[in-house]
Amino acid sequence: MRNKPLYLKLFPLLAFLIAISFPLQIYFLYSIPLSEPMKILAMLTPLNLISMTALFIISILTFVLSRQIYKVIPLLLFILFANNAIVGLYGTDYSLLQVGLSFILFGLSLKPFYNREIRAIILNPQLRWWKTPARYNIIQPIHLHAGITDINTMTSNVSTTGIFAEINDVAKLNEFELNQIIDIELLGKNKLNLKAVVVRKSYGEGSTPTGFGLEFVRNQEHSKQYIPWLKKMVL
């Protein structure tokens, strides 16, 4: 299974480190002891504090993959531009070239947010593949029922959130519709009755057998019966 994109792991840390670099710069530039944090904070301008807050916010938003990131980025760039411009034009600690270059580098660090894959992941939670639960190759006889359709078949793999049911008869497969809720009975020594939604169909493409993927409806039967059953099967 592919992991979460490295950029989405590193950027929250980068934004957090830049935020805390503001008081650290005061500490190194003016040799104020760390034992006197209020003196350090007193030397931060209101724009410094606003910049730190904006950086903390985008760090958190990136960590949780909130789509609000795309509303915060323009505001963050404006705040940092204003902060760096004032530091470069009126301050004595850094030159205009230094603060201009730091702003450009930070702006470039935001560019991956507009990469097609990263943007799709942030805007579409269902595309976050690293959150896909582990699947187990458990073959289990099941009975499917929806309306007047009844099928006895087998699972090819199962997970905590759903199963893949093999349906070799394409005509039978087409009797089920996407997003349709169906009843599932896991057959065996201890029968379990569950409900699930048809989330995808497969007609035998590649290594995937003919059948459909089912996502369980999260109810008491799922949490109190199915999850304990799966744990026993896996262990």
Protein backbone atom coordinates (compact mmCIF):
# COMPACT_ATOMS: atom_id res chain seq x y z
CA MET A 1 0.00 0.00 0.00
CA ARG A 2 1.32 3.45 -0.88
CA ASN A 3 2.00 5.82 1.97
CA LYS A 4 0.75 9.33 2.53
CA PRO A 5 2.63 11.74 0.21
CA LEU A 6 5.86 12.90 1.85
CA TYR A 7 5.04 16.57 1.21
CA LEU A 8 1.88 16.33 3.31
CA LYS A 9 3.98 14.91 6.15
CA LEU A 10 6.78 17.48 5.93
CA PHE A 11 4.93 20.73 5.27
CA PRO A 12 3.08 20.86 8.63
CA LEU A 13 6.47 20.50 10.34
CA LEU A 14 8.01 23.16 8.09
CA ALA A 15 5.23 25.67 8.81
CA PHE A 16 5.46 24.95 12.54
CA LEU A 17 9.25 25.43 12.57
CA ILE A 18 9.00 28.71 10.67
CA ALA A 19 6.40 29.91 13.17
CA ILE A 20 8.58 29.20 16.20
CA SER A 21 11.60 30.67 14.40
CA PHE A 22 10.21 34.18 15.08
CA PRO A 23 10.91 34.14 18.84
CA LEU A 24 14.07 32.10 18.25
CA GLN A 25 15.41 34.84 16.00
CA ILE A 26 14.81 37.35 18.80
CA TYR A 27 16.71 35.06 21.16
CA PHE A 28 19.74 34.73 18.87
CA LEU A 29 19.81 38.36 17.65
CA TYR A 30 19.47 40.03 21.02
CA SER A 31 20.81 37.31 23.36
CA ILE A 32 17.74 37.39 25.56
CA PRO A 33 17.82 34.37 27.91
CA LEU A 34 15.22 31.70 27.26
CA SER A 35 14.41 31.95 30.96
CA GLU A 36 12.79 35.31 30.16
CA PRO A 37 10.15 34.35 27.54
CA MET A 38 8.01 37.43 28.21
CA LYS A 39 10.88 39.71 27.13
CA ILE A 40 11.21 37.72 23.92
CA LEU A 41 7.48 37.89 23.24
CA ALA A 42 7.46 41.63 23.99
CA MET A 43 9.87 42.21 21.11
CA LEU A 44 7.59 40.51 18.59
CA THR A 45 5.50 42.96 16.59
CA PRO A 46 1.75 42.46 16.10
CA LEU A 47 2.48 41.49 12.49
CA ASN A 48 5.02 38.90 13.72
CA LEU A 49 2.36 37.40 15.99
CA ILE A 50 -0.21 37.39 13.18
CA SER A 51 2.33 35.67 10.90
CA MET A 52 3.05 33.03 13.55
CA THR A 53 -0.67 32.41 14.05
CA ALA A 54 -1.25 32.03 10.31
CA LEU A 55 1.64 29.58 10.06
CA PHE A 56 0.32 27.54 12.98
CA ILE A 57 -3.12 27.47 11.36
CA ILE A 58 -1.86 26.25 7.98
CA SER A 59 0.30 23.66 9.76
CA ILE A 60 -2.77 22.25 11.50
CA LEU A 61 -4.95 22.45 8.38
CA THR A 62 -2.34 20.54 6.38
CA PHE A 63 -1.98 17.93 9.09
CA VAL A 64 -5.74 17.25 9.07
CA LEU A 65 -5.95 17.75 5.26
CA SER A 66 -8.65 20.40 5.45
CA ARG A 67 -9.81 21.92 2.18
CA GLN A 68 -9.73 25.30 3.98
CA ILE A 69 -6.01 25.31 3.15
CA TYR A 70 -6.82 26.89 -0.21
CA LYS A 71 -8.57 29.79 1.50
CA VAL A 72 -5.74 30.34 3.98
CA ILE A 73 -2.82 30.26 1.51
CA PRO A 74 -3.55 33.64 -0.16
CA LEU A 75 -4.08 35.28 3.23
CA LEU A 76 -0.88 33.73 4.59
CA LEU A 77 1.14 34.97 1.61
CA PHE A 78 -0.24 38.48 2.04
CA ILE A 79 0.61 38.52 5.76
CA LEU A 80 4.14 37.20 5.22
CA PHE A 81 4.72 39.61 2.34
CA ALA A 82 3.70 42.55 4.55
CA ASN A 83 5.81 41.29 7.45
CA ASN A 84 8.91 40.72 5.31
CA ALA A 85 8.49 44.02 3.46
CA ILE A 86 8.42 45.97 6.75
CA VAL A 87 11.42 44.04 8.10
CA GLY A 88 13.39 44.62 4.89
CA LEU A 89 12.50 48.27 4.46
CA TYR A 90 12.59 49.50 8.04
CA GLY A 91 14.47 46.89 10.06
CA THR A 92 18.21 46.66 10.59
CA ASP A 93 18.61 42.94 11.24
CA TYR A 94 17.97 41.65 7.72
CA SER A 95 18.42 43.17 4.28
CA LEU A 96 15.62 43.57 1.75
CA LEU A 97 17.31 40.92 -0.38
CA GLN A 98 17.34 38.41 2.48
CA VAL A 99 13.69 38.83 3.41
CA GLY A 100 12.67 38.90 -0.26
CA LEU A 101 14.49 35.65 -0.93
CA SER A 102 12.98 33.99 2.16
CA PHE A 103 9.49 35.01 1.01
CA ILE A 104 10.10 33.59 -2.49
CA LEU A 105 11.41 30.30 -1.07
CA PHE A 106 8.41 29.94 1.21
CA GLY A 107 6.08 30.74 -1.70
CA LEU A 108 7.73 27.97 -3.70
CA SER A 109 7.22 25.58 -0.78
CA LEU A 110 3.46 26.10 -1.23
CA LYS A 111 3.49 25.19 -4.92
CA PRO A 112 2.95 21.41 -4.36
CA PHE A 113 -0.47 22.21 -2.87
CA TYR A 114 -1.55 22.87 -6.45
CA ASN A 115 -0.09 19.63 -7.79
CA ARG A 116 -2.91 17.57 -9.30
CA GLU A 117 -2.45 14.61 -6.95
CA ILE A 118 -2.05 16.67 -3.76
CA ARG A 119 -5.01 18.89 -4.59
CA ALA A 120 -7.19 15.86 -5.37
CA ILE A 121 -6.26 14.23 -2.05
CA ILE A 122 -7.12 17.35 -0.05
CA LEU A 123 -10.41 18.03 -1.82
CA ASN A 124 -11.54 14.38 -2.02
CA PRO A 125 -11.14 12.41 1.24
CA GLN A 126 -12.10 9.16 -0.52
CA LEU A 127 -8.82 9.33 -2.49
CA ARG A 128 -6.67 9.05 0.64
CA TRP A 129 -5.46 5.55 -0.10
CA TRP A 130 -3.20 5.28 2.97
CA LYS A 131 -6.33 5.27 5.12
CA THR A 132 -7.70 2.21 3.34
CA PRO A 133 -8.09 -0.53 5.97
CA ALA A 134 -6.08 -3.72 5.62
CA ARG A 135 -7.76 -6.42 3.52
CA TYR A 136 -7.58 -10.12 4.31
CA ASN A 137 -7.90 -12.97 1.84
CA ILE A 138 -10.68 -14.76 3.66
CA ILE A 139 -12.99 -16.98 1.64
CA GLN A 140 -16.37 -16.99 3.35
CA PRO A 141 -19.73 -18.25 2.04
CA ILE A 142 -22.34 -15.48 2.06
CA HIS A 143 -25.95 -14.96 1.05
CA LEU A 144 -26.91 -11.67 -0.61
CA HIS A 145 -30.46 -10.37 -0.74
CA ALA A 146 -31.89 -7.25 -2.36
CA GLY A 147 -35.54 -6.99 -3.38
CA ILE A 148 -36.37 -10.18 -5.27
CA THR A 149 -32.72 -11.04 -5.91
CA ASP A 150 -31.02 -13.74 -3.84
CA ILE A 151 -27.49 -15.01 -4.45
CA ASN A 152 -25.31 -17.49 -2.61
CA THR A 153 -21.67 -16.75 -3.27
CA MET A 154 -18.22 -16.34 -1.67
CA THR A 155 -16.03 -13.49 -0.51
CA SER A 156 -12.54 -13.13 -1.98
CA ASN A 157 -11.31 -10.61 0.58
CA VAL A 158 -12.67 -8.80 3.61
CA SER A 159 -11.78 -5.80 5.75
CA THR A 160 -13.19 -4.02 8.78
CA THR A 161 -15.25 -1.77 6.51
CA GLY A 162 -16.40 -4.08 3.73
CA ILE A 163 -16.02 -7.17 1.57
CA PHE A 164 -15.62 -8.12 -2.06
CA ALA A 165 -18.26 -10.63 -3.18
CA GLU A 166 -17.54 -12.75 -6.25
CA ILE A 167 -20.43 -12.91 -8.74
CA ASN A 168 -19.47 -14.97 -11.77
CA ASP A 169 -22.85 -14.52 -13.46
CA VAL A 170 -22.69 -11.07 -15.11
CA ALA A 171 -26.49 -11.02 -15.51
CA LYS A 172 -26.86 -11.47 -11.76
CA LEU A 173 -24.19 -8.84 -11.13
CA ASN A 174 -26.14 -6.34 -13.22
CA GLU A 175 -29.23 -6.88 -11.07
CA PHE A 176 -27.46 -4.88 -8.36
CA GLU A 177 -27.05 -1.11 -8.66
CA LEU A 178 -24.31 1.13 -7.34
CA ASN A 179 -25.23 2.75 -4.00
CA GLN A 180 -27.92 0.11 -3.47
CA ILE A 181 -28.25 -1.16 0.10
CA ILE A 182 -28.39 -4.95 0.33
CA ASP A 183 -28.65 -7.53 3.11
CA ILE A 184 -25.71 -9.85 3.72
CA GLU A 185 -25.75 -13.07 5.68
CA LEU A 186 -22.37 -14.55 6.52
CA LEU A 187 -22.92 -18.30 6.47
CA GLY A 188 -21.13 -20.76 8.68
CA LYS A 189 -21.19 -21.94 12.26
CA ASN A 190 -22.32 -18.55 13.55
CA LYS A 191 -24.44 -16.66 11.03
CA LEU A 192 -24.13 -12.88 10.92
CA ASN A 193 -26.66 -10.53 9.37
CA LEU A 194 -25.33 -7.24 8.01
CA LYS A 195 -26.27 -4.43 5.67
CA ALA A 196 -23.96 -2.99 3.05
CA VAL A 197 -23.84 -0.56 0.16
CA VAL A 198 -22.67 -1.52 -3.34
CA VAL A 199 -19.71 0.82 -3.92
CA ARG A 200 -18.12 -0.66 -7.05
CA LYS A 201 -18.55 -3.34 -9.67
CA SER A 202 -15.85 -5.39 -11.35
CA TYR A 203 -16.19 -7.32 -14.58
CA GLY A 204 -12.98 -9.25 -14.19
CA GLU A 205 -10.51 -6.52 -15.13
CA GLY A 206 -6.91 -7.53 -14.51
CA SER A 207 -6.48 -9.71 -11.43
CA THR A 208 -9.78 -8.61 -9.86
CA PRO A 209 -12.51 -11.26 -10.17
CA THR A 210 -16.03 -10.53 -11.37
CA GLY A 211 -18.18 -9.22 -8.54
CA PHE A 212 -18.70 -6.11 -6.49
CA GLY A 213 -17.30 -4.28 -3.51
CA LEU A 214 -19.59 -3.79 -0.55
CA GLU A 215 -19.15 -1.23 2.21
CA PHE A 216 -20.83 -2.11 5.49
CA VAL A 217 -23.45 0.08 7.08
CA ARG A 218 -22.00 0.91 10.49
CA ASN A 219 -24.62 -0.35 12.93
CA GLN A 220 -24.71 -2.53 16.04
CA GLU A 221 -24.51 -5.75 14.05
CA HIS A 222 -21.35 -4.49 12.38
CA SER A 223 -19.60 -3.34 15.56
CA LYS A 224 -20.78 -6.04 17.96
CA GLN A 225 -20.83 -9.06 15.66
CA TYR A 226 -18.77 -8.59 12.53
CA ILE A 227 -15.69 -6.90 14.03
CA PRO A 228 -15.22 -9.60 16.73
CA TRP A 229 -15.77 -12.29 14.04
CA LEU A 230 -13.12 -10.75 11.78
CA LYS A 231 -10.61 -10.50 14.63
CA LYS A 232 -11.06 -14.21 15.32
CA MET A 233 -10.60 -15.04 11.65
CA VAL A 234 -7.42 -12.95 11.38
CA LEU A 235 -5.76 -14.12 14.59
